[in-house]
Amino acid sequence: MDPPRVRGRGAAENLPNRFETLSYVHDPEGTDPDGPAPNTQFLKDPSRSLIAYNESPDVGFEASINPYRGCEHGCIYCYARPTHEYLGLSAGLDFETKILVKEDAPELLRRELSSPRWQPQPLAISGVTDPYQPVERRLRLTRQCLEVLAEFQNPVVIITKNHLVTRDVDLLGELARHDAAAVYLSVTTLDASLARTMEPRTSQPARRLAAIESLARASVPTGVMVAPVIPGLTDHEMPAIIAAAAKAGARFAGYILLRLPHAVAPLFEAWLTQHRRARKNKVLNRIRAMRGGRLNDPRFGSRMKGEGIFAKQIAGLFSLACRKAGMGPRNLHLSTAAFRRPTPAQSSLFE
């Protein structure tokens, strides 16, 4: 039996939570693929701190902030899906329909940057879920956090799949004048039809390229992240993506191989069965060839790039594409030289 299909969503079901003993069992007979998509619920996140730290050698930053937990973009391959299981929810539909909102994010950020314990360093927005997912247009939490960062002139790097980032070009341009801002647009494919099913609520590929162009025109250092590279499905597009991004004004590039931790693997397999059945075995076998015979390899050093002959081919293809496009490597250095802690009087000007 084919897996269920849910219109407008990446995942088609809620898989059991690996930490829970009870789970809801979906009845596929009651699924109407043409019926209304599940409504998104926005829940208050009670977090009392905002800046998170990591010690991973695979990540290009040590500190990050995430105004949202869960992501309505619904990318079926998202490695962050299992984080919802720590909340007692599912990595499936729950991840893209139950979004936790950090309403106090701007205030928490200001408090943490004001502390003498804060050592100025680049902050990533966001290393987990997209800071410009659809609800950001209404809640503006990411913009308010950028206002705080501009107030302190603390450097920031943004990773997003959404054209909405161009709304904040004024703040990003202000920080860029101090060498304190950079933006990566994540582009998985240039195929609009594939993007609609694989990452249903993101900006279409052409809109992401338009965002690169708008940011570059405003002198905001902008790059492209070819992520994730899906072997057997999107890997052949890497040269075209990099060339298109360079034409739009991208100055640097990076890539990340598809990761399928925990529940993401069965969700992605079900998606392949539903949308790319003819390629399913090729894709999964190619992943296993780069992941030591498994669908996921969590080891530092290999989890982002993979291992083996196919991984080397992708790395070579990336290097060649960057050289042809005149694109630099992903080694942008942001400056903390302009960082300041405003006095209370100065802060009031921004409130």
C-alpha atoms as a PDB file:
ATOM      1  CA  MET A   1       0.000   0.000   0.000  1.00  0.00           C
ATOM      2  CA  ASP A   2       1.278   3.471  -0.896  1.00  0.00           C
ATOM      3  CA  PRO A   3       1.991   5.823   2.018  1.00  0.00           C
ATOM      4  CA  PRO A   4      -0.641   8.507   2.645  1.00  0.00           C
ATOM      5  CA  ARG A   5      -0.336  11.919   1.055  1.00  0.00           C
ATOM      6  CA  VAL A   6      -1.116  15.196   2.814  1.00  0.00           C
ATOM      7  CA  ARG A   7      -1.600  18.215   0.583  1.00  0.00           C
ATOM      8  CA  GLY A   8       0.795  21.085   1.271  1.00  0.00           C
ATOM      9  CA  ARG A   9       2.948  19.147   3.734  1.00  0.00           C
ATOM     10  CA  GLY A  10       6.289  17.410   3.426  1.00  0.00           C
ATOM     11  CA  ALA A  11       5.595  14.541   5.822  1.00  0.00           C
ATOM     12  CA  ALA A  12       2.472  12.477   5.363  1.00  0.00           C
ATOM     13  CA  GLU A  13       2.189  11.071   8.882  1.00  0.00           C
ATOM     14  CA  ASN A  14       3.346  11.214  12.473  1.00  0.00           C
ATOM     15  CA  LEU A  15       5.870   8.498  13.187  1.00  0.00           C
ATOM     16  CA  PRO A  16       6.094   7.167  16.759  1.00  0.00           C
ATOM     17  CA  ASN A  17       8.268   9.196  19.107  1.00  0.00           C
ATOM     18  CA  ARG A  18      11.367   7.158  20.011  1.00  0.00           C
ATOM     19  CA  PHE A  19      11.117   8.380  23.626  1.00  0.00           C
ATOM     20  CA  GLU A  20       7.418   7.569  24.110  1.00  0.00           C
ATOM     21  CA  THR A  21       5.753   4.203  24.786  1.00  0.00           C
ATOM     22  CA  LEU A  22       2.379   5.185  23.312  1.00  0.00           C
ATOM     23  CA  SER A  23       1.743   6.545  19.830  1.00  0.00           C
ATOM     24  CA  TYR A  24      -1.142   7.501  17.576  1.00  0.00           C
ATOM     25  CA  VAL A  25      -1.675   5.005  14.717  1.00  0.00           C
ATOM     26  CA  HIS A  26      -2.802   6.703  11.518  1.00  0.00           C
ATOM     27  CA  ASP A  27      -5.709   5.189   9.552  1.00  0.00           C
ATOM     28  CA  PRO A  28      -4.734   5.481   5.855  1.00  0.00           C
ATOM     29  CA  GLU A  29      -8.288   4.630   4.768  1.00  0.00           C
ATOM     30  CA  GLY A  30      -9.488   7.952   6.143  1.00  0.00           C
ATOM     31  CA  THR A  31      -6.946  10.073   4.287  1.00  0.00           C
ATOM     32  CA  ASP A  32      -8.189  12.394   1.570  1.00  0.00           C
ATOM     33  CA  PRO A  33      -5.158  13.656  -0.426  1.00  0.00           C
ATOM     34  CA  ASP A  34      -7.299  16.454  -1.883  1.00  0.00           C
ATOM     35  CA  GLY A  35      -8.719  17.519   1.469  1.00  0.00           C
ATOM     36  CA  PRO A  36      -7.581  20.503   3.525  1.00  0.00           C
ATOM     37  CA  ALA A  37      -4.047  20.443   4.874  1.00  0.00           C
ATOM     38  CA  PRO A  38      -3.660  20.171   8.661  1.00  0.00           C
ATOM     39  CA  ASN A  39      -3.738  23.565  10.321  1.00  0.00           C
ATOM     40  CA  THR A  40      -0.558  24.900  11.890  1.00  0.00           C
ATOM     41  CA  GLN A  41      -0.609  25.508  15.633  1.00  0.00           C
ATOM     42  CA  PHE A  42       1.675  28.070  17.244  1.00  0.00           C
ATOM     43  CA  LEU A  43       2.601  27.367  20.855  1.00  0.00           C
ATOM     44  CA  LYS A  44       4.499  29.533  23.331  1.00  0.00           C
ATOM     45  CA  ASP A  45       8.037  28.377  24.054  1.00  0.00           C
ATOM     46  CA  PRO A  46       8.915  28.997  27.737  1.00  0.00           C
ATOM     47  CA  SER A  47      12.698  29.092  27.203  1.00  0.00           C
ATOM     48  CA  ARG A  48      14.485  31.535  29.517  1.00  0.00           C
ATOM     49  CA  SER A  49      17.683  31.747  27.478  1.00  0.00           C
ATOM     50  CA  LEU A  50      18.257  32.117  23.749  1.00  0.00           C
ATOM     51  CA  ILE A  51      21.886  31.658  22.757  1.00  0.00           C
ATOM     52  CA  ALA A  52      22.831  28.009  22.236  1.00  0.00           C
ATOM     53  CA  TYR A  53      26.387  26.732  21.940  1.00  0.00           C
ATOM     54  CA  ASN A  54      27.888  23.770  20.127  1.00  0.00           C
ATOM     55  CA  GLU A  55      31.331  22.183  20.038  1.00  0.00           C
ATOM     56  CA  SER A  56      30.934  20.402  16.710  1.00  0.00           C
ATOM     57  CA  PRO A  57      33.987  20.583  14.437  1.00  0.00           C
ATOM     58  CA  ASP A  58      31.617  20.227  11.459  1.00  0.00           C
ATOM     59  CA  VAL A  59      29.759  23.490  12.103  1.00  0.00           C
ATOM     60  CA  GLY A  60      31.234  26.845  11.176  1.00  0.00           C
ATOM     61  CA  PHE A  61      29.941  28.674  14.243  1.00  0.00           C
ATOM     62  CA  GLU A  62      29.911  28.134  18.002  1.00  0.00           C
ATOM     63  CA  ALA A  63      26.840  30.155  19.004  1.00  0.00           C
ATOM     64  CA  SER A  64      23.382  30.394  17.473  1.00  0.00           C
ATOM     65  CA  ILE A  65      19.841  31.537  18.166  1.00  0.00           C
ATOM     66  CA  ASN A  66      16.582  29.976  17.022  1.00  0.00           C
ATOM     67  CA  PRO A  67      13.400  32.064  17.412  1.00  0.00           C
ATOM     68  CA  TYR A  68      11.268  29.038  16.448  1.00  0.00           C
ATOM     69  CA  ARG A  69      11.253  25.313  17.194  1.00  0.00           C
ATOM     70  CA  GLY A  70       9.728  23.267  14.417  1.00  0.00           C
ATOM     71  CA  CYS A  71       9.412  24.596  10.884  1.00  0.00           C
ATOM     72  CA  GLU A  72       6.387  25.079   8.660  1.00  0.00           C
ATOM     73  CA  HIS A  73       8.556  24.865   5.551  1.00  0.00           C
ATOM     74  CA  GLY A  74       8.058  21.103   5.845  1.00  0.00           C
ATOM     75  CA  CYS A  75      11.258  19.978   4.102  1.00  0.00           C
ATOM     76  CA  ILE A  76      11.003  16.203   4.132  1.00  0.00           C
ATOM     77  CA  TYR A  77      14.758  15.725   4.565  1.00  0.00           C
ATOM     78  CA  CYS A  78      15.229  18.175   7.465  1.00  0.00           C
ATOM     79  CA  TYR A  79      17.781  16.825   9.932  1.00  0.00           C
ATOM     80  CA  ALA A  80      16.178  18.929  12.701  1.00  0.00           C
ATOM     81  CA  ARG A  81      12.933  16.942  12.697  1.00  0.00           C
ATOM     82  CA  PRO A  82      14.017  14.604  15.561  1.00  0.00           C
ATOM     83  CA  THR A  83      14.406  17.624  17.887  1.00  0.00           C
ATOM     84  CA  HIS A  84      10.615  17.677  18.192  1.00  0.00           C
ATOM     85  CA  GLU A  85      10.759  14.287  19.885  1.00  0.00           C
ATOM     86  CA  TYR A  86      12.398  15.917  22.907  1.00  0.00           C
ATOM     87  CA  LEU A  87       9.139  17.870  23.286  1.00  0.00           C
ATOM     88  CA  GLY A  88       7.002  14.719  23.300  1.00  0.00           C
ATOM     89  CA  LEU A  89       5.937  15.327  19.693  1.00  0.00           C
ATOM     90  CA  SER A  90       6.570  13.521  16.415  1.00  0.00           C
ATOM     91  CA  ALA A  91       9.288  14.246  13.875  1.00  0.00           C
ATOM     92  CA  GLY A  92       6.630  13.869  11.182  1.00  0.00           C
ATOM     93  CA  LEU A  93       3.634  16.148  10.736  1.00  0.00           C
ATOM     94  CA  ASP A  94       4.016  17.551  14.273  1.00  0.00           C
ATOM     95  CA  PHE A  95       7.354  19.106  13.320  1.00  0.00           C
ATOM     96  CA  GLU A  96       5.759  21.219  10.596  1.00  0.00           C
ATOM     97  CA  THR A  97       2.331  21.838  12.171  1.00  0.00           C
ATOM     98  CA  LYS A  98       3.170  22.452  15.841  1.00  0.00           C
ATOM     99  CA  ILE A  99       5.586  25.390  15.951  1.00  0.00           C
ATOM    100  CA  LEU A 100       6.969  26.616  19.267  1.00  0.00           C
ATOM    101  CA  VAL A 101       7.462  30.377  19.261  1.00  0.00           C
ATOM    102  CA  LYS A 102       9.991  32.144  21.476  1.00  0.00           C
ATOM    103  CA  GLU A 103       7.992  35.324  22.004  1.00  0.00           C
ATOM    104  CA  ASP A 104      10.643  36.741  24.339  1.00  0.00           C
ATOM    105  CA  ALA A 105      13.534  36.093  21.940  1.00  0.00           C
ATOM    106  CA  PRO A 106      14.501  39.777  21.366  1.00  0.00           C
ATOM    107  CA  GLU A 107      14.453  40.583  25.086  1.00  0.00           C
ATOM    108  CA  LEU A 108      16.397  37.426  25.955  1.00  0.00           C
ATOM    109  CA  LEU A 109      18.984  38.251  23.298  1.00  0.00           C
ATOM    110  CA  ARG A 110      19.433  41.815  24.565  1.00  0.00           C
ATOM    111  CA  ARG A 111      19.889  40.543  28.118  1.00  0.00           C
ATOM    112  CA  GLU A 112      22.507  37.984  27.087  1.00  0.00           C
ATOM    113  CA  LEU A 113      24.481  40.394  24.906  1.00  0.00           C
ATOM    114  CA  SER A 114      24.422  42.966  27.719  1.00  0.00           C
ATOM    115  CA  SER A 115      26.013  40.536  30.145  1.00  0.00           C
ATOM    116  CA  PRO A 116      29.753  40.972  30.734  1.00  0.00           C
ATOM    117  CA  ARG A 117      29.969  37.203  30.328  1.00  0.00           C
ATOM    118  CA  TRP A 118      29.189  37.535  26.619  1.00  0.00           C
ATOM    119  CA  GLN A 119      32.367  37.384  24.561  1.00  0.00           C
ATOM    120  CA  PRO A 120      31.588  39.016  21.199  1.00  0.00           C
ATOM    121  CA  GLN A 121      31.459  36.408  18.440  1.00  0.00           C
ATOM    122  CA  PRO A 122      29.363  35.701  15.338  1.00  0.00           C
ATOM    123  CA  LEU A 123      25.856  34.446  16.033  1.00  0.00           C
ATOM    124  CA  ALA A 124      24.137  32.147  13.560  1.00  0.00           C
ATOM    125  CA  ILE A 125      20.418  32.544  12.846  1.00  0.00           C
ATOM    126  CA  SER A 126      19.500  29.765  12.602  1.00  0.00           C
ATOM    127  CA  GLY A 127      21.384  26.506  12.874  1.00  0.00           C
ATOM    128  CA  VAL A 128      18.283  24.369  13.293  1.00  0.00           C
ATOM    129  CA  THR A 129      14.943  25.658  11.973  1.00  0.00           C
ATOM    130  CA  ASP A 130      14.500  28.400   9.386  1.00  0.00           C
ATOM    131  CA  PRO A 131      14.249  31.900  10.921  1.00  0.00           C
ATOM    132  CA  TYR A 132      12.205  33.118   7.935  1.00  0.00           C
ATOM    133  CA  GLN A 133       9.519  30.450   7.873  1.00  0.00           C
ATOM    134  CA  PRO A 134       6.041  31.779   6.926  1.00  0.00           C
ATOM    135  CA  VAL A 135       4.925  32.925  10.400  1.00  0.00           C
ATOM    136  CA  GLU A 136       7.918  35.292  10.603  1.00  0.00           C
ATOM    137  CA  ARG A 137       6.132  37.615   8.190  1.00  0.00           C
ATOM    138  CA  ARG A 138       3.555  38.230  10.926  1.00  0.00           C
ATOM    139  CA  LEU A 139       5.511  37.798  14.181  1.00  0.00           C
ATOM    140  CA  ARG A 140       8.763  39.500  13.058  1.00  0.00           C
ATOM    141  CA  LEU A 141      10.818  37.838  15.802  1.00  0.00           C
ATOM    142  CA  THR A 142      13.834  37.344  13.559  1.00  0.00           C
ATOM    143  CA  ARG A 143      13.715  41.001  12.539  1.00  0.00           C
ATOM    144  CA  GLN A 144      13.490  42.100  16.165  1.00  0.00           C
ATOM    145  CA  CYS A 145      16.531  39.954  16.984  1.00  0.00           C
ATOM    146  CA  LEU A 146      18.381  41.567  14.080  1.00  0.00           C
ATOM    147  CA  GLU A 147      17.473  44.978  15.495  1.00  0.00           C
ATOM    148  CA  VAL A 148      19.135  43.959  18.758  1.00  0.00           C
ATOM    149  CA  LEU A 149      22.213  42.691  16.926  1.00  0.00           C
ATOM    150  CA  ALA A 150      22.424  45.947  14.961  1.00  0.00           C
ATOM    151  CA  GLU A 151      22.116  47.872  18.240  1.00  0.00           C
ATOM    152  CA  PHE A 152      25.095  45.963  19.666  1.00  0.00           C
ATOM    153  CA  GLN A 153      26.826  45.668  16.270  1.00  0.00           C
ATOM    154  CA  ASN A 154      27.348  41.977  16.956  1.00  0.00           C
ATOM    155  CA  PRO A 155      28.157  39.932  13.822  1.00  0.00           C
ATOM    156  CA  VAL A 156      25.545  37.547  12.444  1.00  0.00           C
ATOM    157  CA  VAL A 157      25.311  34.902   9.743  1.00  0.00           C
ATOM    158  CA  ILE A 158      21.889  33.831   8.469  1.00  0.00           C
ATOM    159  CA  ILE A 159      20.974  30.565   6.740  1.00  0.00           C
ATOM    160  CA  THR A 160      17.560  30.450   5.089  1.00  0.00           C
ATOM    161  CA  LYS A 161      15.480  29.074   2.230  1.00  0.00           C
ATOM    162  CA  ASN A 162      13.087  32.014   2.190  1.00  0.00           C
ATOM    163  CA  HIS A 163      13.001  35.197   0.099  1.00  0.00           C
ATOM    164  CA  LEU A 164      11.577  36.965   3.174  1.00  0.00           C
ATOM    165  CA  VAL A 165      15.160  37.610   4.308  1.00  0.00           C
ATOM    166  CA  THR A 166      15.232  40.518   1.830  1.00  0.00           C
ATOM    167  CA  ARG A 167      12.723  42.358   4.042  1.00  0.00           C
ATOM    168  CA  ASP A 168      15.568  42.913   6.511  1.00  0.00           C
ATOM    169  CA  VAL A 169      18.128  44.176   4.012  1.00  0.00           C
ATOM    170  CA  ASP A 170      18.293  47.519   5.849  1.00  0.00           C
ATOM    171  CA  LEU A 171      19.536  45.929   9.075  1.00  0.00           C
ATOM    172  CA  LEU A 172      21.791  43.459   7.294  1.00  0.00           C
ATOM    173  CA  GLY A 173      23.289  46.264   5.230  1.00  0.00           C
ATOM    174  CA  GLU A 174      23.953  48.279   8.377  1.00  0.00           C
ATOM    175  CA  LEU A 175      25.801  45.351   9.958  1.00  0.00           C
ATOM    176  CA  ALA A 176      27.624  44.588   6.709  1.00  0.00           C
ATOM    177  CA  ARG A 177      29.210  48.037   6.809  1.00  0.00           C
ATOM    178  CA  HIS A 178      31.061  46.785   9.895  1.00  0.00           C
ATOM    179  CA  ASP A 179      31.936  43.424   8.272  1.00  0.00           C
ATOM    180  CA  ALA A 180      29.394  41.948  10.665  1.00  0.00           C
ATOM    181  CA  ALA A 181      26.816  40.218   8.452  1.00  0.00           C
ATOM    182  CA  ALA A 182      26.596  37.415   5.911  1.00  0.00           C
ATOM    183  CA  VAL A 183      23.677  35.465   4.464  1.00  0.00           C
ATOM    184  CA  TYR A 184      23.488  32.009   2.911  1.00  0.00           C
ATOM    185  CA  LEU A 185      20.551  31.049   0.720  1.00  0.00           C
ATOM    186  CA  SER A 186      20.093  27.300   0.817  1.00  0.00           C
ATOM    187  CA  VAL A 187      19.246  25.875  -2.625  1.00  0.00           C
ATOM    188  CA  THR A 188      18.525  22.160  -2.968  1.00  0.00           C
ATOM    189  CA  THR A 189      17.288  22.046  -6.554  1.00  0.00           C
ATOM    190  CA  LEU A 190      16.423  24.357  -9.440  1.00  0.00           C
ATOM    191  CA  ASP A 191      13.483  22.110 -10.374  1.00  0.00           C
ATOM    192  CA  ALA A 192      10.375  23.984  -9.192  1.00  0.00           C
ATOM    193  CA  SER A 193       8.182  20.879  -9.371  1.00  0.00           C
ATOM    194  CA  LEU A 194      10.573  18.820  -7.244  1.00  0.00           C
ATOM    195  CA  ALA A 195      10.903  21.666  -4.736  1.00  0.00           C
ATOM    196  CA  ARG A 196       7.106  21.887  -4.326  1.00  0.00           C
ATOM    197  CA  THR A 197       6.885  18.286  -3.122  1.00  0.00           C
ATOM    198  CA  MET A 198      10.194  18.041  -1.252  1.00  0.00           C
ATOM    199  CA  GLU A 199      10.162  21.416   0.540  1.00  0.00           C
ATOM    200  CA  PRO A 200       6.534  22.516   0.088  1.00  0.00           C
ATOM    201  CA  ARG A 201       6.379  25.834   1.975  1.00  0.00           C
ATOM    202  CA  THR A 202       9.753  27.285   1.150  1.00  0.00           C
ATOM    203  CA  SER A 203      10.358  29.977  -1.451  1.00  0.00           C
ATOM    204  CA  GLN A 204      10.672  28.553  -4.945  1.00  0.00           C
ATOM    205  CA  PRO A 205      14.252  28.219  -6.297  1.00  0.00           C
ATOM    206  CA  ALA A 206      13.906  31.275  -8.556  1.00  0.00           C
ATOM    207  CA  ARG A 207      12.863  33.378  -5.559  1.00  0.00           C
ATOM    208  CA  ARG A 208      15.912  32.276  -3.590  1.00  0.00           C
ATOM    209  CA  LEU A 209      18.159  33.323  -6.459  1.00  0.00           C
ATOM    210  CA  ALA A 210      16.298  36.642  -6.543  1.00  0.00           C
ATOM    211  CA  ALA A 211      17.017  37.021  -2.825  1.00  0.00           C
ATOM    212  CA  ILE A 212      20.737  36.499  -3.467  1.00  0.00           C
ATOM    213  CA  GLU A 213      20.571  39.219  -6.119  1.00  0.00           C
ATOM    214  CA  SER A 214      18.765  41.677  -3.811  1.00  0.00           C
ATOM    215  CA  LEU A 215      21.171  41.129  -0.924  1.00  0.00           C
ATOM    216  CA  ALA A 216      24.250  41.336  -3.120  1.00  0.00           C
ATOM    217  CA  ARG A 217      22.974  44.577  -4.658  1.00  0.00           C
ATOM    218  CA  ALA A 218      22.740  45.976  -1.116  1.00  0.00           C
ATOM    219  CA  SER A 219      26.399  45.001  -0.474  1.00  0.00           C
ATOM    220  CA  VAL A 220      25.464  42.254   1.991  1.00  0.00           C
ATOM    221  CA  PRO A 221      27.974  39.388   1.626  1.00  0.00           C
ATOM    222  CA  THR A 222      25.858  36.553   0.272  1.00  0.00           C
ATOM    223  CA  GLY A 223      26.548  32.935  -0.568  1.00  0.00           C
ATOM    224  CA  VAL A 224      24.780  29.780  -1.608  1.00  0.00           C
ATOM    225  CA  MET A 225      24.557  26.585   0.389  1.00  0.00           C
ATOM    226  CA  VAL A 226      23.846  23.596  -1.850  1.00  0.00           C
ATOM    227  CA  ALA A 227      22.069  21.684   0.871  1.00  0.00           C
ATOM    228  CA  PRO A 228      21.278  18.998   1.170  1.00  0.00           C
ATOM    229  CA  VAL A 229      22.910  17.284  -1.783  1.00  0.00           C
ATOM    230  CA  ILE A 230      20.748  14.221  -2.419  1.00  0.00           C
ATOM    231  CA  PRO A 231      22.770  11.561  -4.261  1.00  0.00           C
ATOM    232  CA  GLY A 232      20.950  10.055  -7.207  1.00  0.00           C
ATOM    233  CA  LEU A 233      18.347  12.828  -7.171  1.00  0.00           C
ATOM    234  CA  THR A 234      19.839  16.350  -7.009  1.00  0.00           C
ATOM    235  CA  ASP A 235      23.634  15.865  -7.011  1.00  0.00           C
ATOM    236  CA  HIS A 236      23.836  16.412 -10.777  1.00  0.00           C
ATOM    237  CA  GLU A 237      22.371  19.919 -10.297  1.00  0.00           C
ATOM    238  CA  MET A 238      25.292  21.221  -8.230  1.00  0.00           C
ATOM    239  CA  PRO A 239      27.140  22.958 -11.134  1.00  0.00           C
ATOM    240  CA  ALA A 240      23.927  24.621 -12.345  1.00  0.00           C
ATOM    241  CA  ILE A 241      22.990  25.801  -8.843  1.00  0.00           C
ATOM    242  CA  ILE A 242      26.424  27.291  -8.201  1.00  0.00           C
ATOM    243  CA  ALA A 243      26.522  28.948 -11.636  1.00  0.00           C
ATOM    244  CA  ALA A 244      23.056  30.459 -11.152  1.00  0.00           C
ATOM    245  CA  ALA A 245      23.934  31.698  -7.657  1.00  0.00           C
ATOM    246  CA  ALA A 246      27.185  33.255  -8.891  1.00  0.00           C
ATOM    247  CA  LYS A 247      25.308  35.013 -11.696  1.00  0.00           C
ATOM    248  CA  ALA A 248      22.914  36.404  -9.075  1.00  0.00           C
ATOM    249  CA  GLY A 249      25.803  37.790  -7.045  1.00  0.00           C
ATOM    250  CA  ALA A 250      26.774  35.057  -4.569  1.00  0.00           C
ATOM    251  CA  ARG A 251      30.391  35.383  -3.452  1.00  0.00           C
ATOM    252  CA  PHE A 252      30.958  32.065  -1.684  1.00  0.00           C
ATOM    253  CA  ALA A 253      29.485  28.575  -1.545  1.00  0.00           C
ATOM    254  CA  GLY A 254      29.243  25.441   0.543  1.00  0.00           C
ATOM    255  CA  TYR A 255      27.461  22.106   0.435  1.00  0.00           C
ATOM    256  CA  ILE A 256      26.175  19.480   2.854  1.00  0.00           C
ATOM    257  CA  LEU A 257      25.391  15.874   2.023  1.00  0.00           C
ATOM    258  CA  LEU A 258      21.922  14.609   2.926  1.00  0.00           C
ATOM    259  CA  ARG A 259      21.641  13.496   6.563  1.00  0.00           C
ATOM    260  CA  LEU A 260      18.897  11.115   7.719  1.00  0.00           C
ATOM    261  CA  PRO A 261      19.062  10.838  11.531  1.00  0.00           C
ATOM    262  CA  HIS A 262      16.500   8.794  13.475  1.00  0.00           C
ATOM    263  CA  ALA A 263      12.927   9.274  12.177  1.00  0.00           C
ATOM    264  CA  VAL A 264      14.044  11.297   9.145  1.00  0.00           C
ATOM    265  CA  ALA A 265      15.149   8.099   7.368  1.00  0.00           C
ATOM    266  CA  PRO A 266      11.720   6.374   7.282  1.00  0.00           C
ATOM    267  CA  LEU A 267      10.014   9.691   6.482  1.00  0.00           C
ATOM    268  CA  PHE A 268      12.347  10.239   3.530  1.00  0.00           C
ATOM    269  CA  GLU A 269      11.910   6.650   2.348  1.00  0.00           C
ATOM    270  CA  ALA A 270       8.131   7.088   2.393  1.00  0.00           C
ATOM    271  CA  TRP A 271       8.480  10.334   0.443  1.00  0.00           C
ATOM    272  CA  LEU A 272      10.589   8.589  -2.202  1.00  0.00           C
ATOM    273  CA  THR A 273       7.961   5.865  -2.515  1.00  0.00           C
ATOM    274  CA  GLN A 274       5.252   8.485  -2.998  1.00  0.00           C
ATOM    275  CA  HIS A 275       7.033  10.950  -5.273  1.00  0.00           C
ATOM    276  CA  ARG A 276      10.145   9.361  -6.823  1.00  0.00           C
ATOM    277  CA  ARG A 277       9.480   5.626  -6.765  1.00  0.00           C
ATOM    278  CA  ALA A 278      11.620   4.875  -9.833  1.00  0.00           C
ATOM    279  CA  ARG A 279      14.669   6.490  -8.222  1.00  0.00           C
ATOM    280  CA  LYS A 280      14.137   5.197  -4.694  1.00  0.00           C
ATOM    281  CA  ASN A 281      16.562   2.264  -4.756  1.00  0.00           C
ATOM    282  CA  LYS A 282      19.261   4.257  -6.532  1.00  0.00           C
ATOM    283  CA  VAL A 283      19.028   7.100  -4.035  1.00  0.00           C
ATOM    284  CA  LEU A 284      19.060   4.871  -0.952  1.00  0.00           C
ATOM    285  CA  ASN A 285      21.860   2.647  -2.248  1.00  0.00           C
ATOM    286  CA  ARG A 286      23.964   5.687  -3.113  1.00  0.00           C
ATOM    287  CA  ILE A 287      23.424   7.083   0.401  1.00  0.00           C
ATOM    288  CA  ARG A 288      24.464   3.774   1.954  1.00  0.00           C
ATOM    289  CA  ALA A 289      27.599   3.737  -0.201  1.00  0.00           C
ATOM    290  CA  MET A 290      28.625   7.069   1.344  1.00  0.00           C
ATOM    291  CA  ARG A 291      27.465   6.245   4.884  1.00  0.00           C
ATOM    292  CA  GLY A 292      29.270   2.990   5.592  1.00  0.00           C
ATOM    293  CA  GLY A 293      26.316   0.828   4.534  1.00  0.00           C
ATOM    294  CA  ARG A 294      23.794   2.788   6.605  1.00  0.00           C
ATOM    295  CA  LEU A 295      21.384   5.616   5.867  1.00  0.00           C
ATOM    296  CA  ASN A 296      23.007   7.857   8.458  1.00  0.00           C
ATOM    297  CA  ASP A 297      26.494   8.314   9.854  1.00  0.00           C
ATOM    298  CA  PRO A 298      26.588  10.680  12.870  1.00  0.00           C
ATOM    299  CA  ARG A 299      30.375  10.717  13.233  1.00  0.00           C
ATOM    300  CA  PHE A 300      32.117  14.079  13.235  1.00  0.00           C
ATOM    301  CA  GLY A 301      34.215  14.573  10.136  1.00  0.00           C
ATOM    302  CA  SER A 302      32.073  12.440   7.835  1.00  0.00           C
ATOM    303  CA  ARG A 303      28.461  13.307   8.627  1.00  0.00           C
ATOM    304  CA  MET A 304      28.427  16.463   6.476  1.00  0.00           C
ATOM    305  CA  LYS A 305      30.377  15.158   3.440  1.00  0.00           C
ATOM    306  CA  GLY A 306      30.235  11.356   3.489  1.00  0.00           C
ATOM    307  CA  GLU A 307      32.975   8.891   2.606  1.00  0.00           C
ATOM    308  CA  GLY A 308      33.942   6.731  -0.356  1.00  0.00           C
ATOM    309  CA  ILE A 309      34.196   7.173  -4.091  1.00  0.00           C
ATOM    310  CA  PHE A 310      30.794   8.830  -4.565  1.00  0.00           C
ATOM    311  CA  ALA A 311      31.518  11.350  -1.806  1.00  0.00           C
ATOM    312  CA  LYS A 312      34.828  12.174  -3.491  1.00  0.00           C
ATOM    313  CA  GLN A 313      33.033  12.650  -6.801  1.00  0.00           C
ATOM    314  CA  ILE A 314      30.616  15.140  -5.225  1.00  0.00           C
ATOM    315  CA  ALA A 315      33.484  17.008  -3.557  1.00  0.00           C
ATOM    316  CA  GLY A 316      35.321  17.184  -6.889  1.00  0.00           C
ATOM    317  CA  LEU A 317      32.192  18.340  -8.700  1.00  0.00           C
ATOM    318  CA  PHE A 318      31.714  21.096  -6.123  1.00  0.00           C
ATOM    319  CA  SER A 319      35.311  22.321  -6.415  1.00  0.00           C
ATOM    320  CA  LEU A 320      35.153  22.342 -10.216  1.00  0.00           C
ATOM    321  CA  ALA A 321      31.806  24.163 -10.256  1.00  0.00           C
ATOM    322  CA  CYS A 322      33.130  26.841  -7.881  1.00  0.00           C
ATOM    323  CA  ARG A 323      36.235  27.380 -10.006  1.00  0.00           C
ATOM    324  CA  LYS A 324      34.191  27.714 -13.185  1.00  0.00           C
ATOM    325  CA  ALA A 325      31.818  30.175 -11.504  1.00  0.00           C
ATOM    326  CA  GLY A 326      34.635  32.182  -9.912  1.00  0.00           C
ATOM    327  CA  MET A 327      33.177  31.391  -6.518  1.00  0.00           C
ATOM    328  CA  GLY A 328      35.234  31.495  -3.342  1.00  0.00           C
ATOM    329  CA  PRO A 329      35.244  28.835  -0.591  1.00  0.00           C
ATOM    330  CA  ARG A 330      33.111  29.096   2.528  1.00  0.00           C
ATOM    331  CA  ASN A 331      35.690  30.905   4.676  1.00  0.00           C
ATOM    332  CA  LEU A 332      34.121  34.303   5.326  1.00  0.00           C
ATOM    333  CA  HIS A 333      35.463  35.970   8.478  1.00  0.00           C
ATOM    334  CA  LEU A 334      33.116  38.311  10.311  1.00  0.00           C
ATOM    335  CA  SER A 335      34.488  41.062  12.535  1.00  0.00           C
ATOM    336  CA  THR A 336      33.649  41.796  16.169  1.00  0.00           C
ATOM    337  CA  ALA A 337      35.640  45.040  16.155  1.00  0.00           C
ATOM    338  CA  ALA A 338      32.543  47.255  16.148  1.00  0.00           C
ATOM    339  CA  PHE A 339      30.783  45.447  19.028  1.00  0.00           C
ATOM    340  CA  ARG A 340      29.446  47.761  21.729  1.00  0.00           C
ATOM    341  CA  ARG A 341      27.140  47.584  24.716  1.00  0.00           C
ATOM    342  CA  PRO A 342      24.773  50.545  24.404  1.00  0.00           C
ATOM    343  CA  THR A 343      23.994  52.625  27.453  1.00  0.00           C
ATOM    344  CA  PRO A 344      20.365  52.570  28.655  1.00  0.00           C
ATOM    345  CA  ALA A 345      19.808  55.927  26.948  1.00  0.00           C
ATOM    346  CA  GLN A 346      21.087  54.563  23.657  1.00  0.00           C
ATOM    347  CA  SER A 347      18.961  51.458  23.980  1.00  0.00           C
ATOM    348  CA  SER A 348      15.814  53.521  24.397  1.00  0.00           C
ATOM    349  CA  LEU A 349      16.326  54.961  20.918  1.00  0.00           C
ATOM    350  CA  PHE A 350      15.716  51.512  19.453  1.00  0.00           C
ATOM    351  CA  GLU A 351      12.628  50.691  21.497  1.00  0.00           C
END
